[in-house]
Amino acid sequence: RAYGLGVVLSTQNPVDLDYKGLSNTGTWFIGRLQTENDKERVMAGLEGAAAGSEFDRRRMGETLSGLGKRVFLLHNVHDSEPVVFETRWVLSYLAGPMTREQIKRLTGGMIAPFGAAALTNPAGSVVKTSIGSTQDSPMKSSSRAATAPVYPPELTVYYLPVSGAGQGVIYVPAVGGWVTVHYSNKRYSVDQSESFATATPLESGPVAVDWDQAVDIGLDPAAIDSDPIAGAEYADLPAISKKSKAYDKWRKNFMRWVRQNRPLIVYKSSKFKMTSFAGETEGTFRARLALAVREQRDVEIEKLRRKYGKTYSGLNDRLMRAQQVLAREQEQVKAKKMESVISFGTAILGAFLGRKAVSSGSVSRMGTAAKSAGRLRKEQMDVARAQETVASVNRRLSELEERLQQDIDGLEAAFDPADEPLDEVRVKARNADISIEVFGLLWLPYRKNSDGQMEPDWY
């Protein structure tokens, strides 16, 4: 104080402070105290600092107990009484490190998208497509060198082969990797290795290498060159690409990117419990699934027919017996009709041709004819019952065939692979199963086409 030196002492635990330090404090800012011990230590310090002046301990205790959030007590030994005040609200948004997507939005068009470069089709040939670039892309940079940059001796540099002469060729820097990945999964019978080559551009922005922008270049490692073609120009090479330690980091990121973004896709049908072979396309798997499903459906339909066969055979036997009974009853009805006609005719002729109109013989013949008519009615009723039996059996057979057809239609709908949803199983490789054959700085050759656009110029 003698030399005008001010000291700020701040703590959340007043109990830990020495009373001499508290008694020598001239200006106090006191917030809400959590414990009674803290409040007693502050009260003792305030009382010591106020030596020689009036100090209301009870009032000060009530004030300290009533402090709320963001409310503080200002006690100045040069003022007559303490002051209670409240601080303003302050909002501080601490978002943490920026993500790659946030960096891309922040930099806008400064990072050049790599677009589509040389892709490999299923036949193995290379398909070249144009590549988009922004104003800050190395391909549009006005500063180009006629000679290759100078590299550290430990840096490995590669060049993609050029389709023609070196005149008009512009090399663009990238990071390339040739990798062999082994996929293994016992559950889905996967045991296969795949090799591919990919490259991603080198940028001078915050993210020098972004493997999410990488594309397949479809070349064998034996096809790359270690020397450039004469007469070519070179786009700007970012300074970080000349540091060998940076490639160690990019190599680790490349392995992580391969593990996460280049899995082996296997298609699975949970309903039919079938899984595609490694490397089998969805269309080929659906065709194989349809054949297997049709065979399984035919087996299930055959089981269904055998299940209904016993009932169907029993109903057919009943129908045959009922038809036989109906035919027999119909023959008996015909015979009874003839017998009744003869009986009535004989009775009527006897009554007219006899000596007496009514005699015991004529009465007997009429009775016999009446009995014959009664038996005929009985036989006709038997025929009606036999017809009802035949109709009932036929109706049951029709119902059985209808139920069988409904069950067959249900099976065909259940075994329809056309609309079967397939699950994509992503078999990821382990770090130990990823083998990088070639990795390092890769120069990609480009040429201008007739429209002045830069196009890939490698095989």
Protein backbone atom coordinates (compact mmCIF):
# COMPACT_ATOMS: atom_id res chain seq x y z
CA ARG A 1 0.00 0.00 0.00
CA ALA A 2 2.91 2.29 0.70
CA TYR A 3 3.99 2.04 -2.93
CA GLY A 4 0.50 2.08 -4.45
CA LEU A 5 0.36 -1.67 -5.22
CA GLY A 6 -3.13 -3.18 -5.30
CA VAL A 7 -3.76 -6.88 -4.65
CA VAL A 8 -6.90 -8.89 -5.49
CA LEU A 9 -7.55 -11.94 -3.33
CA SER A 10 -10.31 -14.30 -4.54
CA THR A 11 -11.49 -17.55 -2.96
CA GLN A 12 -14.48 -19.85 -2.66
CA ASN A 13 -13.36 -21.10 0.75
CA PRO A 14 -13.03 -18.19 3.20
CA VAL A 15 -12.20 -20.65 6.00
CA ASP A 16 -8.82 -21.31 4.36
CA LEU A 17 -7.78 -17.63 4.56
CA ASP A 18 -5.70 -16.30 7.44
CA TYR A 19 -7.46 -13.74 9.62
CA LYS A 20 -4.58 -11.31 9.13
CA GLY A 21 -5.21 -11.28 5.41
CA LEU A 22 -8.91 -10.68 5.94
CA SER A 23 -8.36 -7.89 8.45
CA ASN A 24 -6.07 -6.05 5.99
CA THR A 25 -8.65 -6.12 3.18
CA GLY A 26 -10.11 -2.70 2.48
CA THR A 27 -12.77 -3.52 -0.14
CA TRP A 28 -14.92 -6.62 0.07
CA PHE A 29 -17.13 -8.25 -2.59
CA ILE A 30 -19.04 -11.04 -0.86
CA GLY A 31 -21.33 -13.51 -2.61
CA ARG A 32 -23.63 -16.18 -1.30
CA LEU A 33 -21.92 -18.34 1.33
CA GLN A 34 -22.65 -22.05 1.48
CA THR A 35 -21.74 -22.97 5.07
CA GLU A 36 -22.01 -21.37 8.49
CA ASN A 37 -18.26 -21.71 9.01
CA ASP A 38 -17.62 -19.58 5.90
CA LYS A 39 -20.08 -16.97 7.11
CA GLU A 40 -18.49 -16.83 10.59
CA ARG A 41 -14.99 -16.45 9.13
CA VAL A 42 -16.16 -13.58 6.87
CA MET A 43 -18.00 -11.93 9.76
CA ALA A 44 -14.85 -12.10 11.88
CA GLY A 45 -12.81 -10.58 9.08
CA LEU A 46 -15.30 -7.76 8.52
CA GLU A 47 -15.38 -7.02 12.22
CA GLY A 48 -11.59 -6.90 12.33
CA ALA A 49 -11.41 -4.66 9.27
CA ALA A 50 -13.96 -2.29 10.84
CA ALA A 51 -11.87 -1.77 13.98
CA GLY A 52 -12.41 1.70 15.32
CA SER A 53 -15.84 2.09 13.66
CA GLU A 54 -19.28 0.84 14.50
CA PHE A 55 -20.00 -2.72 13.25
CA ASP A 56 -23.52 -4.18 13.49
CA ARG A 57 -22.84 -7.91 13.59
CA ARG A 58 -26.52 -8.96 13.71
CA ARG A 59 -27.49 -6.81 10.73
CA MET A 60 -24.47 -7.96 8.73
CA GLY A 61 -25.34 -11.61 9.45
CA GLU A 62 -28.90 -11.10 8.19
CA THR A 63 -27.60 -9.40 5.02
CA LEU A 64 -25.17 -12.20 4.23
CA SER A 65 -27.84 -14.85 4.79
CA GLY A 66 -30.21 -13.11 2.36
CA LEU A 67 -27.82 -12.94 -0.62
CA GLY A 68 -29.24 -14.65 -3.69
CA LYS A 69 -27.81 -15.69 -7.07
CA ARG A 70 -25.72 -12.97 -8.76
CA VAL A 71 -26.27 -10.73 -5.71
CA PHE A 72 -23.17 -9.41 -3.91
CA LEU A 73 -22.35 -7.29 -0.87
CA LEU A 74 -19.87 -4.45 -1.32
CA HIS A 75 -18.15 -3.44 1.92
CA ASN A 76 -15.68 -0.55 1.71
CA VAL A 77 -13.86 0.57 4.85
CA HIS A 78 -14.04 4.15 3.53
CA ASP A 79 -17.85 4.12 3.21
CA SER A 80 -20.31 4.51 6.04
CA GLU A 81 -22.32 1.36 5.24
CA PRO A 82 -22.21 -1.69 2.91
CA VAL A 83 -24.01 -1.77 -0.47
CA VAL A 84 -25.92 -4.70 -1.98
CA PHE A 85 -25.88 -4.92 -5.81
CA GLU A 86 -26.77 -7.37 -8.57
CA THR A 87 -24.57 -8.25 -11.58
CA ARG A 88 -25.72 -8.24 -15.21
CA TRP A 89 -26.44 -11.38 -17.23
CA VAL A 90 -23.52 -12.52 -19.40
CA LEU A 91 -23.99 -15.22 -22.07
CA SER A 92 -20.86 -17.08 -23.15
CA TYR A 93 -21.41 -19.78 -25.83
CA LEU A 94 -18.54 -22.26 -25.53
CA ALA A 95 -19.06 -24.60 -28.48
CA GLY A 96 -15.74 -26.39 -28.26
CA PRO A 97 -13.54 -27.35 -31.24
CA MET A 98 -15.06 -26.79 -34.67
CA THR A 99 -16.11 -29.81 -36.71
CA ARG A 100 -15.10 -30.36 -40.30
CA GLU A 101 -18.56 -29.40 -41.54
CA GLN A 102 -18.41 -26.14 -39.55
CA ILE A 103 -14.99 -25.40 -41.00
CA LYS A 104 -16.32 -26.01 -44.51
CA ARG A 105 -19.25 -23.62 -43.94
CA LEU A 106 -16.88 -21.04 -42.46
CA THR A 107 -14.39 -21.19 -45.31
CA GLY A 108 -17.15 -21.22 -47.94
CA GLY A 109 -15.68 -21.88 -51.36
CA MET A 110 -12.07 -21.80 -50.25
CA ILE A 111 -11.88 -25.61 -50.08
CA ALA A 112 -12.11 -27.12 -53.54
CA PRO A 113 -14.42 -30.12 -53.91
CA PHE A 114 -12.62 -32.97 -55.60
CA GLY A 115 -15.68 -33.89 -57.69
CA ALA A 116 -15.48 -37.11 -59.68
CA ALA A 117 -12.17 -38.23 -61.09
CA ALA A 118 -11.27 -41.50 -62.78
CA LEU A 119 -13.65 -44.23 -61.69
CA THR A 120 -13.45 -47.97 -62.27
CA ASN A 121 -16.46 -49.70 -63.80
CA PRO A 122 -17.32 -53.38 -63.17
CA ALA A 123 -15.44 -54.41 -66.33
CA GLY A 124 -12.21 -53.02 -64.88
CA SER A 125 -11.72 -50.17 -67.34
CA VAL A 126 -11.26 -46.59 -66.21
CA VAL A 127 -14.02 -44.08 -66.85
CA LYS A 128 -12.86 -40.45 -66.89
CA THR A 129 -15.23 -37.69 -65.90
CA SER A 130 -14.73 -33.99 -65.45
CA ILE A 131 -13.88 -32.59 -62.04
CA GLY A 132 -15.33 -29.45 -60.51
CA SER A 133 -13.12 -26.83 -58.89
CA THR A 134 -13.46 -23.55 -57.08
CA GLN A 135 -11.58 -20.33 -57.56
CA ASP A 136 -8.98 -21.29 -54.98
CA SER A 137 -8.47 -24.80 -56.35
CA PRO A 138 -4.90 -25.70 -57.37
CA MET A 139 -6.18 -26.41 -60.88
CA LYS A 140 -7.30 -22.77 -61.28
CA SER A 141 -4.35 -21.25 -59.50
CA SER A 142 -2.50 -18.76 -61.67
CA SER A 143 0.84 -19.55 -59.98
CA ARG A 144 2.18 -22.67 -61.62
CA ALA A 145 5.77 -23.87 -61.70
CA ALA A 146 7.55 -25.35 -64.68
CA THR A 147 9.66 -27.58 -62.44
CA ALA A 148 8.78 -29.99 -59.66
CA PRO A 149 8.98 -28.68 -56.10
CA VAL A 150 11.85 -29.63 -53.84
CA TYR A 151 10.89 -32.33 -51.32
CA PRO A 152 12.51 -33.59 -48.15
CA PRO A 153 14.56 -36.75 -48.76
CA GLU A 154 12.28 -38.89 -46.55
CA LEU A 155 9.14 -37.94 -48.53
CA THR A 156 7.77 -40.51 -51.03
CA VAL A 157 6.36 -38.97 -54.23
CA TYR A 158 4.34 -40.69 -56.98
CA TYR A 159 2.97 -39.66 -60.36
CA LEU A 160 0.02 -41.09 -62.24
CA PRO A 161 0.88 -42.03 -65.83
CA VAL A 162 -0.07 -39.50 -68.50
CA SER A 163 -2.03 -40.48 -71.61
CA GLY A 164 0.14 -38.43 -74.01
CA ALA A 165 2.95 -35.90 -74.27
CA GLY A 166 3.85 -33.60 -71.43
CA GLN A 167 2.92 -30.36 -73.20
CA GLY A 168 -0.24 -28.93 -71.65
CA VAL A 169 -0.18 -31.28 -68.66
CA ILE A 170 -0.71 -29.76 -65.22
CA TYR A 171 0.08 -31.86 -62.16
CA VAL A 172 -2.30 -31.33 -59.21
CA PRO A 173 -1.16 -32.46 -55.72
CA ALA A 174 -3.11 -35.14 -53.84
CA VAL A 175 -2.60 -37.85 -51.25
CA GLY A 176 -3.04 -41.36 -52.62
CA GLY A 177 -3.32 -44.76 -51.07
CA TRP A 178 -3.38 -48.31 -52.46
CA VAL A 179 -4.88 -50.65 -49.91
CA THR A 180 -5.89 -54.31 -49.58
CA VAL A 181 -8.72 -55.03 -47.14
CA HIS A 182 -9.67 -58.46 -45.85
CA TYR A 183 -13.25 -58.89 -44.67
CA SER A 184 -14.08 -61.76 -42.34
CA ASN A 185 -17.33 -62.71 -40.66
CA LYS A 186 -18.17 -66.30 -39.72
CA ARG A 187 -21.84 -65.57 -39.12
CA TYR A 188 -22.39 -64.43 -42.71
CA SER A 189 -19.75 -66.74 -44.25
CA VAL A 190 -17.60 -63.81 -45.35
CA ASP A 191 -13.91 -64.42 -46.06
CA GLN A 192 -12.82 -62.16 -48.89
CA SER A 193 -10.14 -59.62 -49.76
CA GLU A 194 -10.56 -56.52 -51.90
CA SER A 195 -8.03 -54.02 -53.23
CA PHE A 196 -8.65 -50.46 -54.35
CA ALA A 197 -6.78 -47.23 -54.94
CA THR A 198 -8.07 -43.84 -53.88
CA ALA A 199 -6.86 -40.25 -53.84
CA THR A 200 -7.96 -37.03 -52.19
CA PRO A 201 -6.74 -33.49 -53.03
CA LEU A 202 -4.29 -31.49 -50.97
CA GLU A 203 -5.70 -28.12 -49.96
CA SER A 204 -4.12 -25.10 -48.32
CA GLY A 205 -7.17 -24.49 -46.11
CA PRO A 206 -7.82 -25.55 -42.49
CA VAL A 207 -8.42 -29.16 -43.57
CA ALA A 208 -5.52 -30.13 -45.81
CA VAL A 209 -6.70 -33.69 -46.41
CA ASP A 210 -10.36 -34.72 -46.28
CA TRP A 211 -10.84 -38.40 -47.08
CA ASP A 212 -14.58 -37.88 -47.42
CA GLN A 213 -13.74 -36.18 -50.74
CA ALA A 214 -11.66 -39.13 -51.97
CA VAL A 215 -12.46 -41.01 -55.18
CA ASP A 216 -11.24 -44.29 -56.63
CA ILE A 217 -8.57 -43.88 -59.30
CA GLY A 218 -8.71 -47.46 -60.52
CA LEU A 219 -5.01 -48.09 -61.10
CA ASP A 220 -2.68 -50.88 -60.08
CA PRO A 221 0.32 -49.84 -57.96
CA ALA A 222 2.60 -51.15 -60.70
CA ALA A 223 1.16 -48.55 -63.09
CA ILE A 224 2.26 -45.48 -61.11
CA ASP A 225 5.49 -43.65 -61.95
CA SER A 226 8.19 -42.36 -59.67
CA ASP A 227 9.23 -39.60 -62.12
CA PRO A 228 7.13 -36.90 -63.81
CA ILE A 229 6.77 -36.47 -67.56
CA ALA A 230 8.90 -33.78 -69.16
CA GLY A 231 7.32 -30.47 -70.10
CA ALA A 232 4.53 -30.54 -67.47
CA GLU A 233 3.57 -27.76 -65.09
CA TYR A 234 2.88 -28.05 -61.35
CA ALA A 235 0.10 -26.49 -59.31
CA ASP A 236 0.84 -24.95 -55.92
CA LEU A 237 1.87 -27.46 -53.29
CA PRO A 238 0.66 -26.64 -49.75
CA ALA A 239 3.49 -26.19 -47.28
CA ILE A 240 2.16 -28.83 -44.89
CA SER A 241 2.49 -31.51 -47.60
CA LYS A 242 6.28 -31.20 -47.39
CA LYS A 243 6.28 -32.42 -43.76
CA SER A 244 6.77 -36.15 -43.49
CA LYS A 245 5.07 -36.30 -40.06
CA ALA A 246 1.86 -35.04 -41.62
CA TYR A 247 1.67 -38.19 -43.75
CA ASP A 248 1.82 -40.37 -40.64
CA LYS A 249 -1.32 -38.62 -39.39
CA TRP A 250 -3.01 -38.80 -42.79
CA ARG A 251 -2.14 -42.48 -43.03
CA LYS A 252 -3.88 -43.21 -39.70
CA ASN A 253 -6.89 -41.16 -40.80
CA PHE A 254 -6.92 -43.09 -44.07
CA MET A 255 -7.04 -46.44 -42.25
CA ARG A 256 -9.85 -45.19 -40.02
CA TRP A 257 -11.73 -43.88 -43.06
CA VAL A 258 -11.34 -47.22 -44.86
CA ARG A 259 -12.61 -49.12 -41.83
CA GLN A 260 -15.66 -46.88 -41.41
CA ASN A 261 -16.55 -45.97 -45.00
CA ARG A 262 -15.50 -48.98 -47.09
CA PRO A 263 -17.32 -51.92 -45.50
CA LEU A 264 -18.34 -55.02 -47.40
CA ILE A 265 -22.11 -54.93 -47.98
CA VAL A 266 -23.95 -58.20 -47.43
CA TYR A 267 -27.70 -58.46 -48.04
CA LYS A 268 -29.81 -60.48 -45.63
CA SER A 269 -33.39 -61.73 -45.76
CA SER A 270 -34.51 -62.20 -42.17
CA LYS A 271 -37.80 -63.79 -43.22
CA PHE A 272 -36.28 -66.47 -45.45
CA LYS A 273 -33.04 -66.73 -43.47
CA MET A 274 -30.80 -66.25 -46.50
CA THR A 275 -27.68 -64.11 -46.88
CA SER A 276 -25.96 -62.94 -50.03
CA PHE A 277 -22.49 -64.09 -50.94
CA ALA A 278 -19.55 -61.74 -50.55
CA GLY A 279 -19.49 -59.41 -53.55
CA GLU A 280 -22.95 -60.49 -54.75
CA THR A 281 -25.10 -57.60 -55.99
CA GLU A 282 -28.61 -56.99 -54.71
CA GLY A 283 -30.16 -57.96 -58.09
CA THR A 284 -28.24 -61.25 -58.26
CA PHE A 285 -29.14 -62.04 -54.66
CA ARG A 286 -32.84 -61.35 -55.28
CA ALA A 287 -32.80 -63.68 -58.30
CA ARG A 288 -31.19 -66.44 -56.23
CA LEU A 289 -33.59 -65.71 -53.38
CA ALA A 290 -36.60 -65.95 -55.76
CA LEU A 291 -35.49 -69.39 -56.99
CA ALA A 292 -34.96 -70.70 -53.46
CA VAL A 293 -38.27 -69.21 -52.30
CA ARG A 294 -40.18 -70.82 -55.18
CA GLU A 295 -38.70 -74.20 -54.31
CA GLN A 296 -39.59 -73.75 -50.66
CA ARG A 297 -43.07 -72.58 -51.60
CA ASP A 298 -43.64 -75.68 -53.75
CA VAL A 299 -42.57 -77.88 -50.85
CA GLU A 300 -45.00 -76.13 -48.50
CA ILE A 301 -47.84 -76.39 -51.04
CA GLU A 302 -47.17 -80.11 -51.43
CA LYS A 303 -47.36 -80.50 -47.63
CA LEU A 304 -50.63 -78.61 -47.68
CA ARG A 305 -52.07 -80.85 -50.41
CA ARG A 306 -51.10 -83.95 -48.43
CA LYS A 307 -52.75 -82.45 -45.36
CA TYR A 308 -56.01 -81.90 -47.24
CA GLY A 309 -55.63 -85.18 -49.17
CA LYS A 310 -56.97 -87.44 -46.43
CA THR A 311 -60.12 -85.36 -45.94
CA TYR A 312 -60.55 -85.04 -49.71
CA SER A 313 -60.21 -88.81 -50.20
CA GLY A 314 -62.77 -89.52 -47.45
CA LEU A 315 -65.29 -87.13 -48.99
CA ASN A 316 -64.78 -88.68 -52.44
CA ASP A 317 -65.52 -92.14 -51.01
CA ARG A 318 -68.68 -90.81 -49.35
CA LEU A 319 -69.72 -89.16 -52.60
CA MET A 320 -69.24 -92.40 -54.51
CA ARG A 321 -71.34 -94.37 -52.01
CA ALA A 322 -74.02 -91.68 -51.97
CA GLN A 323 -74.19 -91.72 -55.77
CA GLN A 324 -74.51 -95.52 -55.74
CA VAL A 325 -77.33 -95.31 -53.20
CA LEU A 326 -79.05 -92.64 -55.29
CA ALA A 327 -78.81 -94.75 -58.44
CA ARG A 328 -80.24 -97.80 -56.63
CA GLU A 329 -83.10 -95.80 -55.15
CA GLN A 330 -83.90 -94.28 -58.54
CA GLU A 331 -84.11 -97.80 -60.09
CA GLN A 332 -86.35 -98.93 -57.28
CA VAL A 333 -88.60 -95.91 -57.84
CA LYS A 334 -88.92 -96.81 -61.51
CA ALA A 335 -89.85 -100.39 -60.60
CA LYS A 336 -92.37 -99.25 -58.00
CA LYS A 337 -93.93 -96.87 -60.49
CA MET A 338 -94.42 -99.70 -62.97
CA GLU A 339 -95.78 -101.99 -60.27
CA SER A 340 -98.22 -99.32 -59.06
CA VAL A 341 -99.46 -98.64 -62.58
CA ILE A 342 -100.05 -102.35 -63.18
CA SER A 343 -101.80 -102.77 -59.81
CA PHE A 344 -104.17 -99.86 -60.38
CA GLY A 345 -104.87 -100.96 -63.96
CA THR A 346 -105.67 -104.51 -62.86
CA ALA A 347 -107.97 -103.28 -60.09
CA ILE A 348 -109.86 -100.93 -62.40
CA LEU A 349 -110.30 -103.50 -65.17
CA GLY A 350 -111.49 -106.11 -62.72
CA ALA A 351 -114.05 -103.71 -61.32
CA PHE A 352 -115.45 -102.92 -64.76
CA LEU A 353 -115.30 -106.39 -66.28
CA GLY A 354 -116.36 -108.36 -63.21
CA ARG A 355 -119.89 -109.70 -62.57
CA LYS A 356 -120.31 -107.45 -59.62
CA ALA A 357 -119.31 -103.82 -59.45
CA VAL A 358 -118.04 -104.25 -55.94
CA SER A 359 -116.79 -107.63 -54.87
CA SER A 360 -114.26 -108.95 -52.40
CA GLY A 361 -111.75 -109.53 -55.23
CA SER A 362 -112.01 -106.00 -56.56
CA VAL A 363 -111.64 -104.59 -53.05
CA SER A 364 -108.55 -106.71 -52.49
CA ARG A 365 -107.00 -105.59 -55.76
CA MET A 366 -107.67 -101.93 -54.92
CA GLY A 367 -106.02 -102.39 -51.52
CA THR A 368 -102.96 -103.94 -53.12
CA ALA A 369 -102.72 -101.01 -55.57
CA ALA A 370 -102.98 -98.52 -52.67
CA LYS A 371 -100.20 -100.32 -50.81
CA SER A 372 -98.05 -100.20 -53.94
CA ALA A 373 -98.61 -96.42 -54.22
CA GLY A 374 -97.57 -96.01 -50.59
CA ARG A 375 -94.36 -97.94 -51.18
CA LEU A 376 -93.72 -95.77 -54.23
CA ARG A 377 -93.98 -92.62 -52.14
CA LYS A 378 -91.54 -94.13 -49.65
CA GLU A 379 -89.08 -94.95 -52.42
CA GLN A 380 -89.40 -91.42 -53.78
CA MET A 381 -88.61 -90.04 -50.31
CA ASP A 382 -85.54 -92.32 -50.19
CA VAL A 383 -84.42 -90.87 -53.52
CA ALA A 384 -84.83 -87.32 -52.18
CA ARG A 385 -82.75 -88.17 -49.12
CA ALA A 386 -80.05 -89.76 -51.32
CA GLN A 387 -80.00 -86.63 -53.49
CA GLU A 388 -79.61 -84.44 -50.41
CA THR A 389 -76.69 -86.64 -49.26
CA VAL A 390 -74.97 -86.30 -52.64
CA ALA A 391 -75.53 -82.52 -52.64
CA SER A 392 -74.16 -82.24 -49.09
CA VAL A 393 -71.01 -84.18 -49.95
CA ASN A 394 -70.48 -82.11 -53.11
CA ARG A 395 -70.90 -78.94 -51.08
CA ARG A 396 -68.29 -80.08 -48.56
CA LEU A 397 -65.92 -80.98 -51.39
CA SER A 398 -66.35 -77.50 -52.89
CA GLU A 399 -65.71 -75.88 -49.53
CA LEU A 400 -62.62 -78.03 -49.02
CA GLU A 401 -61.24 -77.08 -52.45
CA GLU A 402 -61.94 -73.41 -51.74
CA ARG A 403 -60.10 -73.56 -48.41
CA LEU A 404 -57.19 -75.34 -50.08
CA GLN A 405 -56.98 -72.65 -52.75
CA GLN A 406 -57.11 -69.91 -50.12
CA ASP A 407 -54.27 -71.54 -48.18
CA ILE A 408 -52.25 -71.90 -51.40
CA ASP A 409 -52.84 -68.21 -52.22
CA GLY A 410 -51.74 -67.31 -48.71
CA LEU A 411 -48.55 -69.33 -49.12
CA GLU A 412 -47.81 -67.69 -52.47
CA ALA A 413 -48.28 -64.24 -50.93
CA ALA A 414 -46.09 -65.16 -47.97
CA PHE A 415 -43.36 -66.54 -50.25
CA ASP A 416 -43.20 -63.55 -52.60
CA PRO A 417 -39.56 -62.35 -52.70
CA ALA A 418 -40.27 -59.39 -55.00
CA ASP A 419 -41.36 -57.13 -52.14
CA GLU A 420 -39.16 -58.71 -49.49
CA PRO A 421 -37.23 -56.00 -47.59
CA LEU A 422 -33.53 -56.78 -47.38
CA ASP A 423 -31.27 -55.80 -44.51
CA GLU A 424 -27.87 -54.37 -45.37
CA VAL A 425 -25.18 -55.93 -43.21
CA ARG A 426 -22.02 -53.82 -43.17
CA VAL A 427 -19.02 -56.05 -42.53
CA LYS A 428 -16.21 -53.76 -41.39
CA ALA A 429 -12.56 -54.72 -41.49
CA ARG A 430 -10.32 -54.63 -38.47
CA ASN A 431 -7.16 -52.53 -38.38
CA ALA A 432 -5.09 -55.69 -38.55
CA ASP A 433 -6.88 -56.69 -41.78
CA ILE A 434 -6.09 -53.41 -43.59
CA SER A 435 -2.82 -53.47 -45.51
CA ILE A 436 -1.62 -50.27 -47.19
CA GLU A 437 0.67 -51.12 -50.08
CA VAL A 438 1.45 -47.59 -51.33
CA PHE A 439 0.81 -44.27 -49.60
CA GLY A 440 2.20 -40.79 -50.12
CA LEU A 441 2.16 -37.60 -52.15
CA LEU A 442 0.51 -38.25 -55.51
CA TRP A 443 0.54 -35.90 -58.50
CA LEU A 444 -2.58 -36.15 -60.69
CA PRO A 445 -2.16 -35.07 -64.35
CA TYR A 446 -4.82 -32.83 -65.96
CA ARG A 447 -5.27 -31.22 -69.38
CA LYS A 448 -7.54 -28.51 -70.70
CA ASN A 449 -10.25 -29.62 -73.07
CA SER A 450 -11.67 -27.65 -76.00
CA ASP A 451 -13.93 -25.70 -73.59
CA GLY A 452 -11.01 -24.70 -71.41
CA GLN A 453 -12.05 -27.03 -68.58
CA MET A 454 -9.51 -29.19 -66.74
CA GLU A 455 -10.02 -32.92 -67.21
CA PRO A 456 -8.17 -35.95 -65.83
CA ASP A 457 -5.39 -37.16 -68.13
CA TRP A 458 -4.37 -40.46 -66.65
CA TYR A 459 -5.06 -43.93 -67.90
